[in-house]
Amino acid sequence: MRQADPLGQATAYRDTTFRRNYEHCLFVKGPSVKPYAESQEVQVSGLPETDYGLTFLEDGTPAGGEGADKITVTITYNRSKKDTVMLYDADLGKYTYNQYGKLMQDQITGETEAFENVVVMFANITVNNIYQVADFVAGGDGYYACGGKIIPILWGADSDDQPLWFTTLDGEPLEMGVGNTYIAITDSTKGLSYE
């Protein structure tokens, strides 16, 4: 038996317009978030500002990067496999998102899903019951792409409650492009190719 939505209809709603699994159809109504949090005695004002340590440029194309008009990330778990292909669209100035051999589009607007930045993080991943857990404190290596170019990077976190940091291989802070970012976390460098 399904339980009632914990947020209630004034705070959230379930979109039944499209066929989705139950866990993928709950949407929060933005203006109701703060009042709901306050009703649950969650502090919503007076919080300290957090410096996430990220740097953004209007053009985040990495200097000296290799050409990467097509980036393929393969993620496997047990016998399941998912290929995500990011294709650079020079007209959009972004990477278009493709999975299962199809270009992904917003189900409501029909707009192509596209990203300014692509970050692939190779992590030590363990399985805790049914959940996969990445060790962010241990960090690792990975790749950053923007503007059709890609470079290797390093990443990590200073503790479990600190934000992620990203650097180039020479230890300089990674400068990303202003815009949205696609992040893939996988456990093996064998799961990435680009051309």
Protein backbone atom coordinates (compact mmCIF):
# COMPACT_ATOMS: atom_id res chain seq x y z
CA MET A 1 0.00 0.00 0.00
CA ARG A 2 1.36 3.46 -0.90
CA GLN A 3 1.65 6.03 1.83
CA ALA A 4 0.35 9.56 1.47
CA ASP A 5 2.87 12.10 0.20
CA PRO A 6 4.80 13.31 3.28
CA LEU A 7 4.84 16.91 2.05
CA GLY A 8 1.12 17.18 1.41
CA GLN A 9 -0.63 18.64 -1.65
CA ALA A 10 0.10 22.25 -0.70
CA THR A 11 3.85 21.61 -0.87
CA ALA A 12 4.20 19.00 -3.61
CA TYR A 13 2.26 17.22 -6.30
CA ARG A 14 2.50 14.05 -8.34
CA ASP A 15 2.52 14.53 -12.10
CA THR A 16 0.47 11.75 -13.66
CA THR A 17 0.48 13.28 -17.16
CA PHE A 18 3.32 11.04 -18.31
CA ARG A 19 3.96 7.38 -17.58
CA ARG A 20 6.61 7.31 -14.86
CA ASN A 21 7.43 5.10 -11.93
CA TYR A 22 5.88 6.33 -8.70
CA GLU A 23 9.24 7.49 -7.29
CA HIS A 24 9.89 9.71 -10.34
CA CYS A 25 6.70 11.76 -10.40
CA LEU A 26 6.82 13.85 -7.18
CA PHE A 27 7.53 17.55 -7.72
CA VAL A 28 7.96 20.21 -5.03
CA LYS A 29 6.21 23.57 -5.39
CA GLY A 30 9.04 26.11 -5.01
CA PRO A 31 7.29 28.83 -2.99
CA SER A 32 6.16 26.26 -0.43
CA VAL A 33 9.63 24.93 0.46
CA LYS A 34 10.63 27.61 2.97
CA PRO A 35 7.31 27.62 4.90
CA TYR A 36 7.34 23.82 5.05
CA ALA A 37 10.95 23.75 6.29
CA GLU A 38 10.10 26.34 8.95
CA SER A 39 7.08 24.27 10.05
CA GLN A 40 9.49 21.36 10.59
CA GLU A 41 11.79 23.65 12.64
CA VAL A 42 14.55 23.56 10.01
CA GLN A 43 16.78 26.66 10.12
CA VAL A 44 16.37 28.50 6.82
CA SER A 45 17.88 31.91 7.50
CA GLY A 46 21.01 33.17 9.19
CA LEU A 47 23.05 30.27 7.87
CA PRO A 48 26.73 30.99 7.21
CA GLU A 49 27.70 31.58 3.60
CA THR A 50 29.57 28.62 2.13
CA ASP A 51 32.50 29.13 -0.21
CA TYR A 52 32.37 26.11 -2.48
CA GLY A 53 35.78 26.98 -3.92
CA LEU A 54 34.62 26.71 -7.54
CA THR A 55 35.79 29.09 -10.24
CA PHE A 56 33.73 29.89 -13.34
CA LEU A 57 34.65 31.72 -16.55
CA GLU A 58 32.47 32.88 -19.43
CA ASP A 59 34.53 30.53 -21.62
CA GLY A 60 35.55 27.45 -19.64
CA THR A 61 37.20 25.69 -22.59
CA PRO A 62 40.34 24.14 -21.08
CA ALA A 63 43.58 25.55 -22.50
CA GLY A 64 45.66 22.81 -24.08
CA GLY A 65 42.79 20.34 -23.99
CA GLU A 66 42.45 17.50 -26.46
CA GLY A 67 39.59 17.45 -28.94
CA ALA A 68 36.49 15.81 -27.46
CA ASP A 69 33.44 16.21 -29.65
CA LYS A 70 32.17 12.83 -28.42
CA ILE A 71 32.55 11.61 -24.83
CA THR A 72 31.25 8.15 -23.92
CA VAL A 73 30.87 7.13 -20.28
CA THR A 74 29.95 3.52 -19.57
CA ILE A 75 28.58 2.81 -16.12
CA THR A 76 28.12 -0.80 -15.05
CA TYR A 77 26.58 -2.33 -11.94
CA ASN A 78 26.28 -6.09 -11.58
CA ARG A 79 24.88 -7.14 -14.96
CA SER A 80 23.43 -3.73 -15.78
CA LYS A 81 25.17 -1.35 -18.19
CA LYS A 82 24.43 2.21 -19.20
CA ASP A 83 26.19 4.14 -21.94
CA THR A 84 25.95 7.91 -21.82
CA VAL A 85 27.23 9.82 -24.84
CA MET A 86 27.85 13.55 -24.69
CA LEU A 87 28.09 15.09 -28.18
CA TYR A 88 29.47 18.60 -28.57
CA ASP A 89 27.09 20.83 -30.54
CA ALA A 90 29.04 23.89 -31.70
CA ASP A 91 25.80 25.76 -32.54
CA LEU A 92 24.58 25.36 -28.95
CA GLY A 93 28.08 25.65 -27.47
CA LYS A 94 27.16 22.71 -25.22
CA TYR A 95 27.30 18.94 -24.98
CA THR A 96 24.01 17.23 -25.85
CA TYR A 97 22.99 14.36 -23.60
CA ASN A 98 22.37 10.96 -25.20
CA GLN A 99 21.63 7.66 -23.48
CA TYR A 100 20.42 4.28 -24.66
CA GLY A 101 21.18 5.44 -28.20
CA LYS A 102 18.76 8.38 -28.05
CA LEU A 103 19.08 12.16 -27.75
CA MET A 104 17.48 13.19 -24.46
CA GLN A 105 14.86 15.93 -24.60
CA ASP A 106 12.78 17.62 -21.95
CA GLN A 107 9.53 15.66 -21.85
CA ILE A 108 7.41 18.78 -21.49
CA THR A 109 9.20 21.46 -23.56
CA GLY A 110 10.87 19.18 -26.12
CA GLU A 111 14.15 21.11 -25.70
CA THR A 112 17.38 19.17 -26.09
CA GLU A 113 19.11 18.42 -22.79
CA ALA A 114 22.55 19.99 -23.07
CA PHE A 115 25.39 20.90 -20.70
CA GLU A 116 28.10 23.56 -20.66
CA ASN A 117 30.50 21.38 -18.63
CA VAL A 118 31.05 17.63 -18.42
CA VAL A 119 32.88 16.20 -15.39
CA VAL A 120 33.73 12.51 -15.05
CA MET A 121 34.96 11.41 -11.61
CA PHE A 122 36.64 8.03 -11.10
CA ALA A 123 35.91 6.98 -7.53
CA ASN A 124 36.39 4.07 -5.18
CA ILE A 125 32.82 2.74 -5.00
CA THR A 126 31.57 0.15 -2.56
CA VAL A 127 28.12 -1.38 -2.17
CA ASN A 128 26.28 -0.87 1.12
CA ASN A 129 23.16 -3.04 1.00
CA ILE A 130 21.59 -1.90 -2.28
CA TYR A 131 23.32 1.50 -2.38
CA GLN A 132 26.54 2.34 -4.17
CA VAL A 133 28.77 4.59 -2.05
CA ALA A 134 31.59 6.68 -3.55
CA ASP A 135 34.53 7.65 -1.33
CA PHE A 136 34.66 11.41 -1.96
CA VAL A 137 37.25 12.06 0.75
CA ALA A 138 39.72 9.67 -0.90
CA GLY A 139 39.12 11.54 -4.16
CA GLY A 140 40.67 10.45 -7.40
CA ASP A 141 41.28 11.45 -10.95
CA GLY A 142 38.88 12.19 -13.75
CA TYR A 143 38.22 14.43 -16.75
CA TYR A 144 36.71 17.84 -17.43
CA ALA A 145 35.30 18.90 -20.82
CA CYS A 146 33.94 22.19 -22.13
CA GLY A 147 33.84 23.77 -25.57
CA GLY A 148 34.72 20.51 -27.32
CA LYS A 149 38.00 20.09 -25.38
CA ILE A 150 38.91 17.74 -22.52
CA ILE A 151 41.65 17.60 -19.86
CA PRO A 152 42.49 15.21 -17.03
CA ILE A 153 41.72 16.49 -13.51
CA LEU A 154 42.04 15.62 -9.84
CA TRP A 155 39.19 15.89 -7.34
CA GLY A 156 38.33 15.15 -3.72
CA ALA A 157 36.84 16.53 -0.51
CA ASP A 158 38.58 17.51 2.72
CA SER A 159 35.97 15.66 4.82
CA ASP A 160 32.50 14.14 4.50
CA ASP A 161 30.86 17.47 5.30
CA GLN A 162 33.02 19.65 3.03
CA PRO A 163 32.36 20.48 -0.64
CA LEU A 164 34.15 18.76 -3.49
CA TRP A 165 37.23 20.43 -4.93
CA PHE A 166 38.56 20.09 -8.49
CA THR A 167 42.05 20.90 -9.80
CA THR A 168 44.08 20.50 -12.95
CA LEU A 169 46.93 17.97 -12.82
CA ASP A 170 49.36 20.73 -11.82
CA GLY A 171 47.25 21.57 -8.76
CA GLU A 172 45.65 24.78 -10.07
CA PRO A 173 41.92 25.24 -9.34
CA LEU A 174 39.78 23.99 -12.21
CA GLU A 175 38.07 26.85 -14.07
CA MET A 176 34.70 25.73 -15.43
CA GLY A 177 32.34 27.45 -17.84
CA VAL A 178 29.40 29.48 -16.58
CA GLY A 179 26.36 27.26 -17.03
CA ASN A 180 25.06 23.85 -16.12
CA THR A 181 27.29 20.84 -15.44
CA TYR A 182 26.82 17.11 -16.05
CA ILE A 183 28.71 14.97 -13.51
CA ALA A 184 29.26 11.23 -13.94
CA ILE A 185 30.75 9.17 -11.12
CA THR A 186 32.09 5.76 -12.02
CA ASP A 187 34.60 3.29 -10.62
CA SER A 188 36.86 2.60 -13.56
CA THR A 189 38.87 4.52 -16.13
CA LYS A 190 37.86 1.77 -18.57
CA GLY A 191 34.40 3.38 -18.60
CA LEU A 192 35.46 6.51 -20.53
CA SER A 193 36.43 7.20 -24.12
CA TYR A 194 36.51 10.38 -26.17
CA GLU A 195 37.25 11.48 -29.71
